[in-house]
Amino acid sequence: MKQPITGYHKDEDNHWVAQLACGHNQHVRHTPPWVNRPWVVTEAGRASMLGFELDCRKCEEDAAPDERP
């Protein structure tokens, strides 16, 4: 299920996590060649992706909302 990004935070390993409108969190790493998300490494890049919809597997599994810092 597609859900828009509403914000970001870093996890305990200093990796960026997108906060989705549904209440779930999803890592948004830039780790070429496996995942290419250069926008995540700058504040302007992250801001440009607010509202972008990501597939939320947790919604498909009917999971409870995640905790957020």
N, C-alpha and C. Protein backbone atom coordinates (compact mmCIF):
# COMPACT_ATOMS: atom_id res chain seq x y z
N MET A 1 0.85 -1.17 0.00
CA MET A 1 0.00 0.00 0.00
C MET A 1 0.90 1.24 0.00
N LYS A 2 0.62 2.16 -0.89
CA LYS A 2 1.42 3.39 -0.99
C LYS A 2 1.05 4.36 0.13
N GLN A 3 2.09 4.92 0.78
CA GLN A 3 1.90 5.89 1.85
C GLN A 3 2.90 7.02 1.67
N PRO A 4 2.46 8.28 1.86
CA PRO A 4 3.38 9.41 1.69
C PRO A 4 4.33 9.59 2.87
N ILE A 5 5.53 10.07 2.54
CA ILE A 5 6.52 10.41 3.57
C ILE A 5 6.10 11.73 4.22
N THR A 6 6.06 11.74 5.55
CA THR A 6 5.68 12.95 6.29
C THR A 6 6.83 13.55 7.08
N GLY A 7 7.91 12.80 7.27
CA GLY A 7 9.06 13.29 8.03
C GLY A 7 10.14 12.23 8.07
N TYR A 8 11.20 12.53 8.82
CA TYR A 8 12.36 11.64 8.91
C TYR A 8 12.93 11.67 10.32
N HIS A 9 13.62 10.62 10.68
CA HIS A 9 14.45 10.61 11.87
C HIS A 9 15.59 9.62 11.61
N LYS A 10 16.59 9.62 12.48
CA LYS A 10 17.69 8.66 12.38
C LYS A 10 17.49 7.58 13.44
N ASP A 11 17.87 6.35 13.07
CA ASP A 11 17.78 5.25 14.02
C ASP A 11 19.04 5.20 14.89
N GLU A 12 19.14 4.18 15.72
CA GLU A 12 20.27 4.06 16.65
C GLU A 12 21.59 3.81 15.93
N ASP A 13 21.53 3.38 14.67
CA ASP A 13 22.74 3.17 13.87
C ASP A 13 23.05 4.35 12.95
N ASN A 14 22.33 5.47 13.17
CA ASN A 14 22.53 6.69 12.41
C ASN A 14 22.07 6.59 10.95
N HIS A 15 21.12 5.69 10.67
CA HIS A 15 20.54 5.53 9.34
C HIS A 15 19.24 6.32 9.27
N TRP A 16 18.94 6.91 8.11
CA TRP A 16 17.72 7.67 7.93
C TRP A 16 16.50 6.75 7.82
N VAL A 17 15.44 7.17 8.48
CA VAL A 17 14.17 6.44 8.50
C VAL A 17 13.07 7.42 8.09
N ALA A 18 12.28 7.03 7.10
CA ALA A 18 11.14 7.85 6.69
C ALA A 18 9.97 7.55 7.60
N GLN A 19 9.26 8.58 7.98
CA GLN A 19 8.03 8.44 8.75
C GLN A 19 6.88 8.58 7.76
N LEU A 20 6.01 7.59 7.71
CA LEU A 20 4.93 7.56 6.75
C LEU A 20 3.62 8.02 7.38
N ALA A 21 2.72 8.50 6.55
CA ALA A 21 1.44 9.04 7.02
C ALA A 21 0.62 7.99 7.77
N CYS A 22 0.82 6.73 7.48
CA CYS A 22 0.07 5.65 8.12
C CYS A 22 0.52 5.38 9.55
N GLY A 23 1.67 5.95 9.95
CA GLY A 23 2.20 5.70 11.29
C GLY A 23 3.34 4.71 11.32
N HIS A 24 3.70 4.16 10.18
CA HIS A 24 4.81 3.23 10.10
C HIS A 24 6.09 3.97 9.71
N ASN A 25 7.22 3.34 10.02
CA ASN A 25 8.54 3.85 9.66
C ASN A 25 9.15 2.94 8.61
N GLN A 26 10.01 3.50 7.75
CA GLN A 26 10.69 2.70 6.73
C GLN A 26 12.08 3.27 6.48
N HIS A 27 13.11 2.43 6.55
CA HIS A 27 14.47 2.88 6.27
C HIS A 27 14.57 3.36 4.82
N VAL A 28 15.31 4.44 4.63
CA VAL A 28 15.56 4.98 3.30
C VAL A 28 17.07 5.18 3.15
N ARG A 29 17.78 4.10 2.95
CA ARG A 29 19.23 4.12 2.88
C ARG A 29 19.72 4.40 1.46
N HIS A 30 20.89 4.98 1.38
CA HIS A 30 21.59 5.14 0.11
C HIS A 30 22.82 4.26 0.21
N THR A 31 22.72 3.05 -0.33
CA THR A 31 23.82 2.08 -0.25
C THR A 31 24.06 1.45 -1.62
N PRO A 32 24.61 2.24 -2.54
CA PRO A 32 24.89 1.69 -3.88
C PRO A 32 25.80 0.47 -3.78
N PRO A 33 25.70 -0.49 -4.64
CA PRO A 33 24.80 -0.56 -5.79
C PRO A 33 23.45 -1.17 -5.47
N TRP A 34 23.20 -1.58 -4.24
CA TRP A 34 21.93 -2.24 -3.91
C TRP A 34 20.76 -1.27 -3.89
N VAL A 35 20.92 -0.15 -3.24
CA VAL A 35 19.85 0.85 -3.16
C VAL A 35 20.45 2.20 -3.52
N ASN A 36 19.86 2.85 -4.50
CA ASN A 36 20.38 4.14 -4.95
C ASN A 36 19.39 5.25 -4.59
N ARG A 37 19.62 5.89 -3.47
CA ARG A 37 18.78 6.99 -3.00
C ARG A 37 19.67 8.17 -2.59
N PRO A 38 20.32 8.82 -3.55
CA PRO A 38 21.21 9.92 -3.20
C PRO A 38 20.50 11.08 -2.54
N TRP A 39 19.20 11.20 -2.74
CA TRP A 39 18.44 12.30 -2.12
C TRP A 39 18.43 12.23 -0.60
N VAL A 40 18.66 11.05 -0.03
CA VAL A 40 18.55 10.90 1.42
C VAL A 40 19.73 11.51 2.17
N VAL A 41 20.85 11.78 1.49
CA VAL A 41 22.05 12.23 2.19
C VAL A 41 22.08 13.74 2.44
N THR A 42 21.15 14.51 1.88
CA THR A 42 21.12 15.96 2.13
C THR A 42 19.76 16.38 2.67
N GLU A 43 19.76 17.45 3.44
CA GLU A 43 18.51 17.97 3.98
C GLU A 43 17.56 18.40 2.85
N ALA A 44 18.12 19.06 1.84
CA ALA A 44 17.30 19.50 0.70
C ALA A 44 16.72 18.31 -0.05
N GLY A 45 17.51 17.26 -0.19
CA GLY A 45 17.04 16.05 -0.87
C GLY A 45 15.90 15.40 -0.12
N ARG A 46 16.05 15.28 1.20
CA ARG A 46 14.97 14.69 2.00
C ARG A 46 13.72 15.55 1.93
N ALA A 47 13.88 16.86 2.02
CA ALA A 47 12.72 17.77 1.96
C ALA A 47 12.00 17.63 0.62
N SER A 48 12.76 17.43 -0.45
CA SER A 48 12.15 17.32 -1.77
C SER A 48 11.29 16.06 -1.91
N MET A 49 11.51 15.09 -1.05
CA MET A 49 10.77 13.83 -1.13
C MET A 49 9.59 13.76 -0.16
N LEU A 50 9.38 14.79 0.64
CA LEU A 50 8.20 14.81 1.51
C LEU A 50 6.96 14.70 0.62
N GLY A 51 6.06 13.82 0.98
CA GLY A 51 4.86 13.59 0.18
C GLY A 51 5.02 12.47 -0.84
N PHE A 52 6.27 12.07 -1.13
CA PHE A 52 6.50 10.96 -2.05
C PHE A 52 5.96 9.69 -1.42
N GLU A 53 5.32 8.86 -2.21
CA GLU A 53 4.71 7.64 -1.68
C GLU A 53 5.64 6.44 -1.81
N LEU A 54 5.81 5.75 -0.70
CA LEU A 54 6.58 4.50 -0.66
C LEU A 54 5.61 3.34 -0.42
N ASP A 55 5.98 2.16 -0.90
CA ASP A 55 5.19 0.97 -0.59
C ASP A 55 5.38 0.61 0.87
N CYS A 56 4.30 0.50 1.60
CA CYS A 56 4.38 0.15 3.02
C CYS A 56 3.91 -1.29 3.21
N ARG A 57 4.87 -2.17 3.42
CA ARG A 57 4.56 -3.59 3.64
C ARG A 57 3.86 -3.80 4.98
N LYS A 58 4.16 -2.92 5.94
CA LYS A 58 3.53 -3.06 7.26
C LYS A 58 2.03 -2.82 7.17
N CYS A 59 1.60 -1.91 6.29
CA CYS A 59 0.17 -1.69 6.09
C CYS A 59 -0.49 -2.94 5.50
N GLU A 60 0.20 -3.56 4.53
CA GLU A 60 -0.33 -4.76 3.91
C GLU A 60 -0.47 -5.88 4.92
N GLU A 61 0.37 -5.87 5.95
CA GLU A 61 0.32 -6.89 7.00
C GLU A 61 -0.59 -6.48 8.15
N ASP A 62 -1.20 -5.29 8.04
CA ASP A 62 -2.09 -4.74 9.07
C ASP A 62 -1.38 -4.59 10.42
N ALA A 63 -0.11 -4.16 10.37
CA ALA A 63 0.71 -3.99 11.57
C ALA A 63 0.32 -2.72 12.33
N ALA A 64 0.55 -2.75 13.62
CA ALA A 64 0.31 -1.57 14.46
C ALA A 64 1.31 -0.47 14.10
N PRO A 65 0.98 0.79 14.37
CA PRO A 65 1.93 1.89 14.09
C PRO A 65 3.23 1.70 14.85
N ASP A 66 4.32 2.23 14.27
CA ASP A 66 5.65 2.16 14.89
C ASP A 66 5.83 3.28 15.90
N GLU A 67 6.77 3.08 16.82
CA GLU A 67 7.16 4.14 17.73
C GLU A 67 8.06 5.12 16.99
N ARG A 68 7.99 6.38 17.39
CA ARG A 68 8.83 7.41 16.77
C ARG A 68 9.50 8.23 17.85
N PRO A 69 10.72 8.70 17.55
CA PRO A 69 11.41 9.52 18.54
C PRO A 69 10.76 10.89 18.71
